[in-house]
Protein backbone atom coordinates (compact mmCIF):
# COMPACT_ATOMS: atom_id res chain seq x y z
CA MET A 1 -93.72 66.23 16.12
CA ALA A 2 -92.86 68.85 13.28
CA TRP A 3 -91.98 67.69 9.99
CA PRO A 4 -88.54 68.80 8.46
CA THR A 5 -88.93 71.60 6.04
CA LYS A 6 -87.87 71.60 2.36
CA GLU A 7 -84.73 73.73 3.43
CA GLN A 8 -83.65 71.08 6.07
CA LYS A 9 -84.07 68.05 3.74
CA GLU A 10 -81.96 69.86 1.00
CA ALA A 11 -79.30 70.74 3.55
CA ARG A 12 -79.07 67.06 4.67
CA GLN A 13 -78.85 65.72 1.11
CA ARG A 14 -75.85 68.40 0.48
CA MET A 15 -74.09 67.06 3.60
CA THR A 16 -74.48 63.31 2.58
CA MET A 17 -73.01 64.07 -0.78
CA GLU A 18 -70.09 65.81 0.42
CA THR A 19 -69.01 63.20 2.82
CA PRO A 20 -66.06 61.19 1.42
CA SER A 21 -66.77 57.61 0.83
CA ALA A 22 -64.11 54.94 2.39
CA PRO A 23 -61.41 53.93 -0.22
CA ALA A 24 -61.74 50.64 -2.10
CA LEU A 25 -59.31 47.89 -1.09
CA ASP A 26 -56.18 47.40 -3.41
CA MET A 27 -56.06 43.67 -3.61
CA GLU A 28 -52.69 43.57 -5.46
CA ALA A 29 -51.11 45.71 -2.74
CA LEU A 30 -52.60 43.42 -0.03
CA ALA A 31 -51.11 40.43 -1.68
CA SER A 32 -47.77 42.00 -1.97
CA LEU A 33 -47.83 42.91 1.60
CA ILE A 34 -48.68 39.35 2.68
CA GLN A 35 -45.92 37.99 0.44
CA ASP A 36 -43.37 40.39 1.83
CA ALA A 37 -44.59 39.28 5.38
CA THR A 38 -44.26 35.67 4.60
CA ILE A 39 -40.70 35.92 3.25
CA GLN A 40 -39.45 37.72 6.36
CA ALA A 41 -41.11 35.21 8.61
CA VAL A 42 -39.59 32.14 6.70
CA ALA A 43 -36.19 33.65 6.01
CA PRO A 44 -34.66 32.46 9.28
CA ILE A 45 -36.01 28.83 8.90
CA ARG A 46 -34.58 28.86 5.43
CA ASN A 47 -31.21 30.01 6.61
CA GLU A 48 -31.17 27.20 9.05
CA ILE A 49 -31.93 24.69 6.68
CA VAL A 50 -29.02 25.73 4.54
CA GLU A 51 -26.82 25.70 7.39
CA LEU A 52 -28.00 22.12 8.59
CA LYS A 53 -27.54 20.86 5.01
CA LYS A 54 -24.00 22.23 4.97
CA ARG A 55 -23.19 20.41 8.44
CA LEU A 56 -24.72 17.28 6.98
CA GLU A 57 -22.73 17.20 3.88
CA LYS A 58 -19.37 17.91 5.97
CA GLN A 59 -20.36 15.04 8.07
CA GLU A 60 -20.89 12.74 5.07
CA ASP A 61 -17.40 13.55 3.81
CA ALA A 62 -15.71 12.89 7.16
CA THR A 63 -17.36 9.55 7.68
CA PRO A 64 -15.29 6.62 6.33
CA ARG A 65 -16.73 4.59 3.73
CA PHE A 66 -16.14 0.86 3.59
CA THR A 67 -16.24 -1.03 0.35
CA PRO A 68 -16.45 -4.73 0.62
CA MET A 69 -13.81 -6.64 -1.47
CA GLU A 70 -15.14 -8.63 -4.27
CA ALA A 71 -14.19 -12.09 -3.89
CA PRO A 72 -12.70 -14.01 -6.96
CA GLU A 73 -15.12 -16.51 -8.33
CA ASP A 74 -12.88 -19.30 -7.56
CA ILE A 75 -10.59 -18.54 -4.66
CA GLY A 76 -8.82 -21.88 -5.23
CA ALA A 77 -8.08 -21.43 -8.74
CA ALA A 78 -6.97 -17.70 -8.14
CA ARG A 79 -4.65 -18.89 -5.38
CA ARG A 80 -3.19 -21.75 -7.60
CA GLU A 81 -2.70 -19.47 -10.59
CA ALA A 82 -0.96 -16.95 -8.25
CA ILE A 83 1.52 -19.58 -6.37
CA GLY A 84 1.33 -22.76 -8.11
CA ASN A 85 1.13 -26.11 -6.69
CA ALA A 86 3.72 -28.33 -5.51
CA PRO A 87 3.82 -31.76 -7.08
CA MET A 88 2.58 -34.74 -5.06
CA GLY A 89 4.55 -36.10 -2.50
CA GLU A 90 6.36 -32.84 -1.81
CA SER A 91 4.32 -31.79 1.18
CA GLU A 92 7.28 -30.08 2.98
CA GLY A 93 7.37 -27.16 0.40
CA MET A 94 5.32 -23.94 0.96
CA SER A 95 4.55 -20.99 -0.80
CA SER A 96 3.56 -17.40 0.31
CA TYR A 97 0.66 -15.52 -1.49
CA PRO A 98 2.36 -12.54 -3.71
CA VAL A 99 1.49 -9.24 -2.78
CA THR A 100 3.10 -5.78 -3.36
CA SER A 101 4.51 -3.57 -0.54
CA THR A 102 0.97 -1.81 -0.30
CA GLY A 103 -0.69 -5.11 -0.03
CA GLU A 104 -1.99 -5.26 -3.48
CA ARG A 105 -2.28 -8.63 -5.23
CA VAL A 106 0.52 -9.15 -7.88
CA ASP A 107 -0.31 -9.89 -11.32
CA THR A 108 1.64 -13.03 -11.77
CA ARG A 109 0.89 -13.03 -15.55
CA PHE A 110 4.06 -10.56 -15.63
CA MET A 111 5.89 -12.06 -12.65
CA GLN A 112 5.57 -15.71 -12.76
CA PRO A 113 8.15 -17.41 -10.36
CA ARG A 114 10.57 -19.71 -12.11
CA PHE A 115 10.65 -22.20 -9.46
CA LYS A 116 8.04 -23.63 -7.16
CA ALA A 117 7.98 -25.15 -3.64
CA GLY A 118 9.65 -28.71 -3.20
CA GLU A 119 11.55 -28.33 -6.67
CA ARG A 120 15.12 -29.36 -6.92
CA VAL A 121 17.54 -26.65 -7.81
CA ARG A 122 21.14 -25.82 -7.81
CA ILE A 123 23.13 -22.70 -6.77
CA ASN A 124 24.50 -20.85 -9.92
CA ALA A 125 28.22 -20.92 -9.41
CA SER A 126 28.81 -17.87 -11.58
CA THR A 127 26.49 -15.48 -9.55
CA ALA A 128 27.35 -13.35 -6.50
CA ARG A 129 24.99 -13.09 -3.41
CA GLU A 130 24.48 -9.35 -2.43
CA GLY A 131 27.18 -8.25 0.09
CA PHE A 132 29.96 -10.63 -1.34
CA PRO A 133 33.23 -8.71 -1.88
CA ARG A 134 33.60 -6.91 -5.22
CA THR A 135 36.72 -5.94 -7.12
CA GLY A 136 38.52 -3.24 -5.66
CA ASP A 137 36.94 -3.63 -2.16
CA PRO A 138 39.42 -3.39 0.82
CA PHE A 139 40.91 -6.70 1.65
CA PRO A 140 40.73 -7.22 5.41
CA ASP A 141 44.02 -6.77 7.52
CA LYS A 142 45.78 -10.01 8.73
CA TRP A 143 46.39 -8.58 12.31
CA GLU A 144 44.36 -6.95 15.02
CA VAL A 145 45.23 -5.90 18.51
CA ASP A 146 42.84 -6.86 21.44
CA THR A 147 41.88 -4.98 24.70
CA HIS A 148 44.96 -6.34 26.29
CA GLY A 149 47.54 -5.12 23.75
CA LYS A 150 48.02 -8.62 22.09
CA LYS A 151 48.40 -9.32 18.42
CA ARG A 152 46.01 -11.91 16.91
CA LEU A 153 44.87 -13.03 13.49
CA THR A 154 41.56 -11.75 12.27
CA SER A 155 38.51 -13.90 11.52
CA ASP A 156 37.91 -11.94 8.09
CA TRP A 157 41.58 -12.70 6.99
CA ARG A 158 41.16 -16.32 7.86
CA LYS A 159 37.99 -16.36 5.69
CA TRP A 160 39.29 -14.97 2.68
CA ALA A 161 42.89 -15.55 2.63
CA SER A 162 42.36 -19.08 1.54
CA PHE A 163 40.67 -17.77 -1.73
CA PHE A 164 43.20 -15.02 -2.49
CA PRO A 165 46.44 -16.32 -0.62
CA ASP A 166 48.86 -13.57 -2.30
CA GLN A 167 47.24 -10.72 -0.56
CA PRO A 168 49.56 -8.13 1.94
CA GLU A 169 48.96 -8.28 5.56
CA SER A 170 47.32 -4.81 5.24
CA GLY A 171 46.02 -2.64 2.66
CA GLY A 172 45.05 -5.08 -0.03
CA GLU A 173 42.19 -5.33 -2.32
CA PHE A 174 39.92 -7.91 -3.75
CA PRO A 175 41.26 -8.64 -7.37
CA ARG A 176 38.03 -9.77 -8.57
CA ASN A 177 34.31 -10.52 -7.42
CA VAL A 178 33.77 -13.38 -5.14
CA VAL A 179 31.13 -15.53 -6.71
CA TRP A 180 29.03 -18.65 -5.33
CA GLY A 181 31.62 -21.11 -7.12
CA ASP A 182 34.27 -19.99 -4.71
CA ILE A 183 32.29 -20.72 -1.88
CA LEU A 184 31.05 -24.13 -2.99
CA THR A 185 34.61 -25.08 -4.18
CA LYS A 186 35.59 -24.17 -0.60
CA GLN A 187 32.98 -26.04 1.15
CA ARG A 188 33.17 -28.99 -1.53
CA SER A 189 29.62 -28.72 -2.13
CA GLU A 190 27.53 -29.17 -5.37
CA GLY A 191 25.20 -26.65 -4.41
CA LYS A 192 22.12 -28.95 -5.00
CA GLY A 193 19.02 -28.35 -2.94
CA THR A 194 15.48 -28.34 -2.48
CA ILE A 195 13.22 -25.15 -2.46
CA ARG A 196 11.31 -25.26 0.93
CA TYR A 197 9.05 -22.08 0.33
CA ARG A 198 9.23 -18.88 -1.67
CA LYS A 199 8.10 -15.26 -1.11
CA PHE A 200 7.31 -12.24 -3.13
CA LEU A 201 9.25 -9.26 -2.22
CA GLY A 202 6.86 -6.37 -3.08
CA LYS A 203 9.18 -3.51 -2.72
CA ARG A 204 11.63 -4.95 -5.09
CA GLY A 205 9.33 -6.75 -7.39
CA ILE A 206 11.42 -10.01 -7.23
CA TRP A 207 10.89 -13.64 -5.93
CA LYS A 208 13.06 -15.11 -3.10
CA TYR A 209 13.41 -18.69 -2.12
CA SER A 210 14.34 -20.51 0.96
CA VAL A 211 16.58 -23.54 -0.04
CA ARG A 212 18.06 -26.25 2.03
CA VAL A 213 21.43 -27.50 0.66
CA ASN A 214 23.24 -30.28 2.55
CA GLY A 215 26.37 -29.27 3.77
CA LEU A 216 26.00 -25.53 3.11
CA THR A 217 22.73 -24.29 4.98
CA THR A 218 20.99 -25.22 8.05
CA LYS A 219 17.86 -27.59 8.19
CA ASP A 220 15.71 -24.77 7.64
CA GLY A 221 17.25 -23.59 4.72
CA ASP A 222 18.91 -20.27 3.51
CA GLY A 223 17.53 -17.38 1.53
CA PHE A 224 18.41 -17.11 -2.31
CA MET A 225 17.42 -14.72 -4.91
CA GLU A 226 16.07 -16.25 -8.15
CA THR A 227 19.12 -15.02 -10.03
CA GLU A 228 21.10 -17.40 -7.70
CA LEU A 229 19.48 -20.50 -8.53
CA GLU A 230 19.15 -22.86 -11.63
CA ARG A 231 17.35 -26.22 -12.09
CA SER A 232 19.10 -29.09 -11.00
CA ALA A 233 19.99 -31.81 -13.69
C-alpha cells in the first residue's frame, strides 16, 4: 500500500477548507415560525368559542326569569291594614283586597276607604248617580207607535213625568239635574242601609260599595260610589 504524497495531503486539506459548513440554526426565527403555526391552528377553534359565547348570551336573554314575590312579614297585619276589619257581629260583610288595574297592591295610606263592610250608611240625597239625567238632557217623548201602528205611553215618560209634570209631550228638556233625593222621595225611603262588601276600582282609583237598602235595592244590594254615601246617624 502506497502512502499519500505531500502534494496529495495538501490538496485534501485545501478541499476541506473550501467546503462550506452547514448554516447555524436561528432560534428566534424558529420560535416565530412555531408561534405563527400555532395561531393559525387555533384560530378556527377560537372563532367557534366566540360564536358559541354569543349564542349562549342570546339564549340567556331570551330565557324568562322568575323572581319570587317577597311575602310581607305579617300577612294578616298587611291585609288588615289594607282592607280593615268589620266589627264583631257583622259577619255578613265582605271586603275585596285592593289592587290597581295592573294587579299592583294599592298603598292604602293614601287611599283609605271611608266605610267598611257591615257599616250602616245612608244615601247622600244631594248627589247623583252616574247616568242620572242632567240639566238640558232631552226629556223622553210621551208617546210611541208600536209595530201595529198603535200609539202608547212610553215607559221613560211614566218614570220621569212624576218628577217633572210640566214637560211637553215631545221635545222637552230636563230642567235640572236629577239627584238621589228625587228617587228617595218617590220611593218614600230614608236611604239607610248596610254595606255588604267593598272593592277598589283600580282603573279609576276609587272605592265602590255594595249596599242593601230596604225598599230600594235587592237583597244582594246595589253598587254605590263613595261620594254617594254618608254615615248614618
